[in-house]
């Protein structure tokens, strides 16, 4: 979905605010990784795929002027520590 629409130049079709809210809400502060569902433990597979979505989302937000260059919407150092 996200990557395909980005590659096709059709990212404007995304409902970006709900996607960002969901992605950000999946990163767990105590571990730094991402969970797949509410009340589940962090998981390396979810951390890989959801962590990989952030560069695409941040690029889209920056192109729309909704995020400053170099701005971040997730805790990358915590994710790297987890992985």
N, C-alpha and C. Protein backbone atom coordinates (compact mmCIF):
# COMPACT_ATOMS: atom_id res chain seq x y z
N UNK A 1 0.77 -1.19 0.00
CA UNK A 1 0.00 0.00 0.00
C UNK A 1 0.82 1.27 0.00
N UNK A 2 1.46 1.57 1.12
CA UNK A 2 2.18 2.83 1.29
C UNK A 2 3.31 2.96 0.27
N UNK A 3 4.15 1.95 0.17
CA UNK A 3 5.28 2.01 -0.76
C UNK A 3 4.81 2.05 -2.20
N UNK A 4 3.80 1.24 -2.53
CA UNK A 4 3.29 1.20 -3.90
C UNK A 4 2.72 2.55 -4.31
N UNK A 5 1.91 3.15 -3.45
CA UNK A 5 1.34 4.46 -3.78
C UNK A 5 2.42 5.53 -3.87
N UNK A 6 3.44 5.43 -3.03
CA UNK A 6 4.55 6.38 -3.11
C UNK A 6 5.28 6.25 -4.44
N UNK A 7 5.57 5.01 -4.84
CA UNK A 7 6.27 4.78 -6.11
C UNK A 7 5.46 5.22 -7.31
N UNK A 8 4.14 5.07 -7.23
CA UNK A 8 3.26 5.43 -8.33
C UNK A 8 2.92 6.92 -8.37
N UNK A 9 3.40 7.67 -7.38
CA UNK A 9 3.08 9.09 -7.32
C UNK A 9 1.63 9.33 -6.93
N UNK A 10 1.05 8.37 -6.23
CA UNK A 10 -0.37 8.47 -5.86
C UNK A 10 -0.55 8.55 -4.34
N UNK A 11 0.46 9.02 -3.65
CA UNK A 11 0.40 9.09 -2.19
C UNK A 11 -0.70 10.03 -1.70
N UNK A 12 -1.16 10.93 -2.56
CA UNK A 12 -2.24 11.83 -2.17
C UNK A 12 -3.52 11.07 -1.84
N UNK A 13 -3.61 9.81 -2.26
CA UNK A 13 -4.79 8.99 -1.97
C UNK A 13 -4.80 8.44 -0.55
N UNK A 14 -3.65 8.52 0.12
CA UNK A 14 -3.55 8.01 1.49
C UNK A 14 -4.27 8.91 2.47
N UNK A 15 -4.86 8.30 3.47
CA UNK A 15 -5.38 9.05 4.62
C UNK A 15 -4.24 9.09 5.63
N UNK A 16 -3.34 10.02 5.42
CA UNK A 16 -2.09 10.05 6.16
C UNK A 16 -2.25 10.29 7.67
N UNK A 17 -3.10 11.20 8.14
CA UNK A 17 -3.19 11.40 9.59
C UNK A 17 -3.56 10.12 10.37
N UNK A 18 -4.55 9.34 9.95
CA UNK A 18 -4.83 8.10 10.70
C UNK A 18 -3.68 7.10 10.62
N UNK A 19 -3.03 7.03 9.47
CA UNK A 19 -1.90 6.11 9.32
C UNK A 19 -0.77 6.50 10.27
N UNK A 20 -0.44 7.78 10.31
CA UNK A 20 0.63 8.26 11.20
C UNK A 20 0.25 8.00 12.65
N UNK A 21 -0.97 8.28 13.02
CA UNK A 21 -1.43 8.08 14.40
C UNK A 21 -1.28 6.60 14.80
N UNK A 22 -1.67 5.71 13.88
CA UNK A 22 -1.57 4.28 14.17
C UNK A 22 -0.11 3.85 14.27
N UNK A 23 0.72 4.26 13.32
CA UNK A 23 2.14 3.87 13.34
C UNK A 23 2.84 4.36 14.60
N UNK A 24 2.65 5.62 14.93
CA UNK A 24 3.31 6.21 16.09
C UNK A 24 2.85 5.51 17.37
N UNK A 25 1.58 5.16 17.42
CA UNK A 25 1.03 4.51 18.61
C UNK A 25 1.51 3.09 18.82
N UNK A 26 2.11 2.50 17.82
CA UNK A 26 2.59 1.11 17.93
C UNK A 26 4.01 1.03 18.50
N UNK A 27 4.76 2.15 18.56
CA UNK A 27 6.10 2.09 19.14
C UNK A 27 5.99 2.14 20.66
N UNK A 28 6.60 1.15 21.29
CA UNK A 28 6.52 1.05 22.74
C UNK A 28 7.73 1.71 23.39
N UNK A 29 7.46 2.62 24.31
CA UNK A 29 8.52 3.41 24.94
C UNK A 29 9.48 2.55 25.75
N UNK A 30 8.99 1.53 26.41
CA UNK A 30 9.87 0.73 27.28
C UNK A 30 10.85 -0.14 26.50
N UNK A 31 10.50 -0.54 25.29
CA UNK A 31 11.38 -1.43 24.51
C UNK A 31 11.95 -0.74 23.27
N UNK A 32 11.24 0.24 22.74
CA UNK A 32 11.69 0.94 21.54
C UNK A 32 11.22 0.32 20.25
N UNK A 33 10.79 -0.94 20.30
CA UNK A 33 10.30 -1.62 19.11
C UNK A 33 8.82 -1.37 18.89
N UNK A 34 8.28 -2.02 17.88
CA UNK A 34 6.88 -1.85 17.52
C UNK A 34 6.09 -3.11 17.79
N UNK A 35 4.86 -2.93 18.20
CA UNK A 35 3.93 -4.04 18.37
C UNK A 35 2.98 -4.05 17.18
N UNK A 36 2.40 -5.20 16.92
CA UNK A 36 1.46 -5.29 15.81
C UNK A 36 0.04 -4.91 16.19
N UNK A 37 -0.32 -5.18 17.45
CA UNK A 37 -1.67 -4.89 17.93
C UNK A 37 -1.59 -4.38 19.36
N UNK A 38 -2.63 -3.72 19.78
CA UNK A 38 -2.72 -3.22 21.14
C UNK A 38 -2.61 -4.38 22.12
N UNK A 39 -1.94 -4.14 23.23
CA UNK A 39 -1.76 -5.13 24.30
C UNK A 39 -0.92 -6.33 23.90
N UNK A 40 -0.11 -6.21 22.87
CA UNK A 40 0.82 -7.26 22.48
C UNK A 40 2.24 -6.77 22.72
N UNK A 41 3.16 -7.71 22.86
CA UNK A 41 4.56 -7.34 23.05
C UNK A 41 5.16 -6.87 21.73
N UNK A 42 6.27 -6.13 21.82
CA UNK A 42 6.97 -5.72 20.61
C UNK A 42 7.50 -6.96 19.91
N UNK A 43 7.70 -6.82 18.62
CA UNK A 43 8.10 -7.96 17.81
C UNK A 43 9.07 -7.45 16.74
N UNK A 44 10.12 -8.19 16.47
CA UNK A 44 11.13 -7.72 15.52
C UNK A 44 10.58 -7.60 14.10
N UNK A 45 9.67 -8.47 13.72
CA UNK A 45 9.10 -8.39 12.37
C UNK A 45 8.27 -7.11 12.20
N UNK A 46 7.39 -6.84 13.18
CA UNK A 46 6.61 -5.60 13.12
C UNK A 46 7.53 -4.39 13.19
N UNK A 47 8.57 -4.49 14.00
CA UNK A 47 9.51 -3.37 14.12
C UNK A 47 10.20 -3.09 12.79
N UNK A 48 10.53 -4.14 12.06
CA UNK A 48 11.17 -3.97 10.75
C UNK A 48 10.22 -3.29 9.77
N UNK A 49 9.02 -3.82 9.61
CA UNK A 49 8.09 -3.30 8.60
C UNK A 49 7.53 -1.94 8.98
N UNK A 50 7.14 -1.76 10.22
CA UNK A 50 6.60 -0.46 10.62
C UNK A 50 7.71 0.59 10.69
N UNK A 51 8.88 0.19 11.16
CA UNK A 51 10.01 1.11 11.16
C UNK A 51 10.37 1.56 9.75
N UNK A 52 10.21 0.66 8.78
CA UNK A 52 10.51 0.98 7.39
C UNK A 52 9.49 1.92 6.76
N UNK A 53 8.32 2.02 7.35
CA UNK A 53 7.29 2.91 6.81
C UNK A 53 7.59 4.37 7.13
N UNK A 54 8.32 4.61 8.21
CA UNK A 54 8.53 5.99 8.65
C UNK A 54 9.32 6.86 7.67
N UNK A 55 10.38 6.37 7.04
CA UNK A 55 11.04 7.24 6.05
C UNK A 55 10.11 7.66 4.92
N UNK A 56 9.23 6.76 4.49
CA UNK A 56 8.26 7.12 3.44
C UNK A 56 7.26 8.15 3.95
N UNK A 57 6.72 7.91 5.14
CA UNK A 57 5.73 8.84 5.71
C UNK A 57 6.36 10.20 5.96
N UNK A 58 7.57 10.21 6.53
CA UNK A 58 8.23 11.49 6.81
C UNK A 58 8.52 12.25 5.52
N UNK A 59 8.90 11.55 4.47
CA UNK A 59 9.14 12.20 3.18
C UNK A 59 7.85 12.82 2.64
N UNK A 60 6.74 12.10 2.77
CA UNK A 60 5.45 12.64 2.32
C UNK A 60 5.07 13.87 3.13
N UNK A 61 5.24 13.79 4.45
CA UNK A 61 4.89 14.93 5.30
C UNK A 61 5.76 16.14 4.98
N UNK A 62 7.04 15.91 4.72
CA UNK A 62 7.94 17.02 4.37
C UNK A 62 7.56 17.63 3.03
N UNK A 63 7.16 16.79 2.06
CA UNK A 63 6.77 17.32 0.75
C UNK A 63 5.48 18.14 0.84
N UNK A 64 4.66 17.85 1.84
CA UNK A 64 3.42 18.60 2.06
C UNK A 64 3.63 19.80 2.96
N UNK A 65 4.85 19.97 3.48
CA UNK A 65 5.13 21.08 4.38
C UNK A 65 4.60 20.86 5.79
N UNK A 66 4.31 19.60 6.14
CA UNK A 66 3.74 19.29 7.45
C UNK A 66 4.79 18.80 8.45
N UNK A 67 6.05 18.66 7.99
CA UNK A 67 7.13 18.24 8.85
C UNK A 67 8.39 18.94 8.38
N UNK A 68 9.10 19.53 9.33
CA UNK A 68 10.34 20.25 8.97
C UNK A 68 11.40 19.25 8.47
N UNK A 69 12.26 19.69 7.56
CA UNK A 69 13.36 18.81 7.13
C UNK A 69 14.18 18.35 8.33
N UNK A 70 14.46 17.08 8.37
CA UNK A 70 15.19 16.52 9.51
C UNK A 70 14.31 16.21 10.70
N UNK A 71 13.02 16.54 10.61
CA UNK A 71 12.09 16.26 11.69
C UNK A 71 11.80 14.77 11.78
N UNK A 72 11.44 14.32 12.95
CA UNK A 72 11.15 12.91 13.16
C UNK A 72 9.81 12.75 13.86
N UNK A 73 9.11 11.68 13.52
CA UNK A 73 7.82 11.41 14.17
C UNK A 73 7.86 10.12 14.97
N UNK A 74 9.06 9.51 15.06
CA UNK A 74 9.23 8.32 15.89
C UNK A 74 10.62 8.36 16.52
N UNK A 75 10.86 7.47 17.45
CA UNK A 75 12.13 7.45 18.17
C UNK A 75 13.07 6.46 17.49
N UNK A 76 13.83 6.93 16.52
CA UNK A 76 14.74 6.07 15.76
C UNK A 76 15.84 5.46 16.63
N UNK A 77 16.48 6.22 17.55
CA UNK A 77 17.50 5.59 18.38
C UNK A 77 16.96 4.44 19.23
N UNK A 78 15.74 4.58 19.75
CA UNK A 78 15.14 3.51 20.56
C UNK A 78 14.88 2.29 19.69
N UNK A 79 14.43 2.49 18.45
CA UNK A 79 14.19 1.38 17.55
C UNK A 79 15.49 0.66 17.22
N UNK A 80 16.55 1.41 16.95
CA UNK A 80 17.84 0.79 16.68
C UNK A 80 18.36 0.00 17.87
N UNK A 81 18.16 0.51 19.06
CA UNK A 81 18.56 -0.23 20.27
C UNK A 81 17.80 -1.54 20.37
N UNK A 82 16.51 -1.50 20.04
CA UNK A 82 15.70 -2.72 20.12
C UNK A 82 16.16 -3.75 19.10
N UNK A 83 16.36 -3.27 17.87
CA UNK A 83 16.74 -4.21 16.80
C UNK A 83 18.16 -4.69 16.98
